Amino acid sequence: MIKEPTITTLGGRVTCPRCQAVSKRSKQQCRNPSERGKNNCRFHGSRSTSAKTLEGKKRRDNARYVHGRETSALRDARKHKLRELRELEAVMLEIGMI
């Protein structure tokens, strides 16, 4: 796919850089103009600046990220309990309880 570098807006009166983001689903280029000095529009992260100060970077690194309703600690606990359950089932099969 060839990305178009510019887009014409306002009835053909203004030409500006085009957002370079591509959709995962349709594989088409975003139709919005990009922000000044950036490659992406405001919807695709042009205003994102990330952490600049040392304090901000520490806060970002220590943030409690949660995916859905569970944390990584809950997933680990579930993984260990399921491992124990499989081991118990294997022992029960060996002695003929199941």
C-alpha atoms as a PDB file:
ATOM      1  CA  MET A   1       0.000   0.000   0.000  1.00  0.00           C
ATOM      2  CA  ILE A   2       1.307   3.441  -0.935  1.00  0.00           C
ATOM      3  CA  LYS A   3       0.695   6.089   1.730  1.00  0.00           C
ATOM      4  CA  GLU A   4      -0.386   9.489   0.496  1.00  0.00           C
ATOM      5  CA  PRO A   5       1.813  12.217   2.025  1.00  0.00           C
ATOM      6  CA  THR A   6      -0.735  15.066   1.789  1.00  0.00           C
ATOM      7  CA  ILE A   7      -4.472  15.641   1.944  1.00  0.00           C
ATOM      8  CA  THR A   8      -6.494  18.482   0.432  1.00  0.00           C
ATOM      9  CA  THR A   9      -9.133  20.045   2.689  1.00  0.00           C
ATOM     10  CA  LEU A  10     -11.584  22.946   2.657  1.00  0.00           C
ATOM     11  CA  GLY A  11     -12.809  22.284  -0.848  1.00  0.00           C
ATOM     12  CA  GLY A  12      -9.344  22.010  -2.351  1.00  0.00           C
ATOM     13  CA  ARG A  13      -8.088  25.300  -0.926  1.00  0.00           C
ATOM     14  CA  VAL A  14      -5.712  23.914   1.735  1.00  0.00           C
ATOM     15  CA  THR A  15      -3.132  21.158   1.379  1.00  0.00           C
ATOM     16  CA  CYS A  16      -1.664  19.684   4.552  1.00  0.00           C
ATOM     17  CA  PRO A  17       0.264  16.560   5.638  1.00  0.00           C
ATOM     18  CA  ARG A  18      -1.880  13.448   6.007  1.00  0.00           C
ATOM     19  CA  CYS A  19      -1.901  11.132   9.028  1.00  0.00           C
ATOM     20  CA  GLN A  20       0.353   8.127   8.367  1.00  0.00           C
ATOM     21  CA  ALA A  21      -1.579   5.676  10.590  1.00  0.00           C
ATOM     22  CA  VAL A  22      -3.039   2.591   8.902  1.00  0.00           C
ATOM     23  CA  SER A  23      -6.110   0.687  10.077  1.00  0.00           C
ATOM     24  CA  LYS A  24      -5.561  -2.904  11.195  1.00  0.00           C
ATOM     25  CA  ARG A  25      -8.969  -3.980   9.932  1.00  0.00           C
ATOM     26  CA  SER A  26      -9.374  -2.255   6.588  1.00  0.00           C
ATOM     27  CA  LYS A  27      -5.659  -1.695   5.875  1.00  0.00           C
ATOM     28  CA  GLN A  28      -6.489   1.843   4.728  1.00  0.00           C
ATOM     29  CA  GLN A  29      -4.691   5.045   5.648  1.00  0.00           C
ATOM     30  CA  CYS A  30      -6.317   7.432   8.120  1.00  0.00           C
ATOM     31  CA  ARG A  31      -8.118  10.294   6.362  1.00  0.00           C
ATOM     32  CA  ASN A  32      -7.360  12.994   8.931  1.00  0.00           C
ATOM     33  CA  PRO A  33      -4.678  15.657   8.572  1.00  0.00           C
ATOM     34  CA  SER A  34      -1.669  15.216  10.846  1.00  0.00           C
ATOM     35  CA  GLU A  35      -0.746  17.651  13.597  1.00  0.00           C
ATOM     36  CA  ARG A  36       1.887  20.299  12.882  1.00  0.00           C
ATOM     37  CA  GLY A  37       5.360  18.795  12.949  1.00  0.00           C
ATOM     38  CA  LYS A  38       4.036  15.270  13.558  1.00  0.00           C
ATOM     39  CA  ASN A  39       3.265  12.241  11.411  1.00  0.00           C
ATOM     40  CA  ASN A  40      -0.060  11.344  13.050  1.00  0.00           C
ATOM     41  CA  CYS A  41      -3.377  13.003  13.759  1.00  0.00           C
ATOM     42  CA  ARG A  42      -4.691  13.737  17.243  1.00  0.00           C
ATOM     43  CA  PHE A  43      -6.581  10.431  17.286  1.00  0.00           C
ATOM     44  CA  HIS A  44      -3.466   8.351  16.605  1.00  0.00           C
ATOM     45  CA  GLY A  45      -1.129   9.705  19.266  1.00  0.00           C
ATOM     46  CA  SER A  46       0.406  12.917  18.000  1.00  0.00           C
ATOM     47  CA  ARG A  47      -0.209  14.643  21.336  1.00  0.00           C
ATOM     48  CA  SER A  48       1.332  11.839  23.366  1.00  0.00           C
ATOM     49  CA  THR A  49       4.622  13.037  24.858  1.00  0.00           C
ATOM     50  CA  SER A  50       5.446  10.252  27.330  1.00  0.00           C
ATOM     51  CA  ALA A  51       7.181  10.920  30.639  1.00  0.00           C
ATOM     52  CA  LYS A  52       9.887  13.590  30.513  1.00  0.00           C
ATOM     53  CA  THR A  53      11.068  13.955  34.117  1.00  0.00           C
ATOM     54  CA  LEU A  54      12.749  11.317  36.259  1.00  0.00           C
ATOM     55  CA  GLU A  55       9.788  11.387  38.674  1.00  0.00           C
ATOM     56  CA  GLY A  56       7.338  10.850  35.834  1.00  0.00           C
ATOM     57  CA  LYS A  57       9.340   7.928  34.470  1.00  0.00           C
ATOM     58  CA  LYS A  58       9.432   6.275  37.905  1.00  0.00           C
ATOM     59  CA  ARG A  59       5.693   6.793  38.329  1.00  0.00           C
ATOM     60  CA  ARG A  60       5.083   5.288  34.876  1.00  0.00           C
ATOM     61  CA  ASP A  61       7.279   2.271  35.622  1.00  0.00           C
ATOM     62  CA  ASN A  62       5.633   1.613  39.000  1.00  0.00           C
ATOM     63  CA  ALA A  63       2.062   2.052  37.763  1.00  0.00           C
ATOM     64  CA  ARG A  64      -0.397  -0.714  38.596  1.00  0.00           C
ATOM     65  CA  TYR A  65      -1.531  -1.916  35.208  1.00  0.00           C
ATOM     66  CA  VAL A  66      -4.667  -4.029  35.227  1.00  0.00           C
ATOM     67  CA  HIS A  67      -5.952  -5.870  32.166  1.00  0.00           C
ATOM     68  CA  GLY A  68      -9.670  -6.388  32.488  1.00  0.00           C
ATOM     69  CA  ARG A  69     -10.568  -7.365  36.042  1.00  0.00           C
ATOM     70  CA  GLU A  70      -7.427  -9.220  37.032  1.00  0.00           C
ATOM     71  CA  THR A  71      -3.864  -8.378  37.907  1.00  0.00           C
ATOM     72  CA  SER A  72      -0.796 -10.447  37.113  1.00  0.00           C
ATOM     73  CA  ALA A  73      -0.716 -11.615  40.773  1.00  0.00           C
ATOM     74  CA  LEU A  74      -4.217 -13.063  40.444  1.00  0.00           C
ATOM     75  CA  ARG A  75      -3.277 -14.794  37.198  1.00  0.00           C
ATOM     76  CA  ASP A  76      -0.186 -16.303  38.810  1.00  0.00           C
ATOM     77  CA  ALA A  77      -2.200 -17.549  41.797  1.00  0.00           C
ATOM     78  CA  ARG A  78      -4.748 -19.157  39.467  1.00  0.00           C
ATOM     79  CA  LYS A  79      -1.975 -20.788  37.442  1.00  0.00           C
ATOM     80  CA  HIS A  80      -0.436 -22.368  40.562  1.00  0.00           C
ATOM     81  CA  LYS A  81      -3.809 -23.643  41.838  1.00  0.00           C
ATOM     82  CA  LEU A  82      -4.616 -25.213  38.472  1.00  0.00           C
ATOM     83  CA  ARG A  83      -1.196 -26.901  38.447  1.00  0.00           C
ATOM     84  CA  GLU A  84      -1.934 -28.359  41.902  1.00  0.00           C
ATOM     85  CA  LEU A  85      -5.330 -29.544  40.696  1.00  0.00           C
ATOM     86  CA  ARG A  86      -3.807 -31.328  37.680  1.00  0.00           C
ATOM     87  CA  GLU A  87      -1.227 -33.017  39.911  1.00  0.00           C
ATOM     88  CA  LEU A  88      -3.964 -34.219  42.281  1.00  0.00           C
ATOM     89  CA  GLU A  89      -6.012 -35.562  39.370  1.00  0.00           C
ATOM     90  CA  ALA A  90      -2.957 -37.439  38.071  1.00  0.00           C
ATOM     91  CA  VAL A  91      -2.407 -39.043  41.513  1.00  0.00           C
ATOM     92  CA  MET A  92      -6.097 -39.964  41.766  1.00  0.00           C
ATOM     93  CA  LEU A  93      -5.923 -41.614  38.325  1.00  0.00           C
ATOM     94  CA  GLU A  94      -2.849 -43.603  39.382  1.00  0.00           C
ATOM     95  CA  ILE A  95      -4.480 -45.012  42.517  1.00  0.00           C
ATOM     96  CA  GLY A  96      -7.785 -45.682  40.770  1.00  0.00           C
ATOM     97  CA  MET A  97     -10.045 -43.157  42.472  1.00  0.00           C
ATOM     98  CA  ILE A  98     -11.158 -41.726  39.139  1.00  0.00           C
END
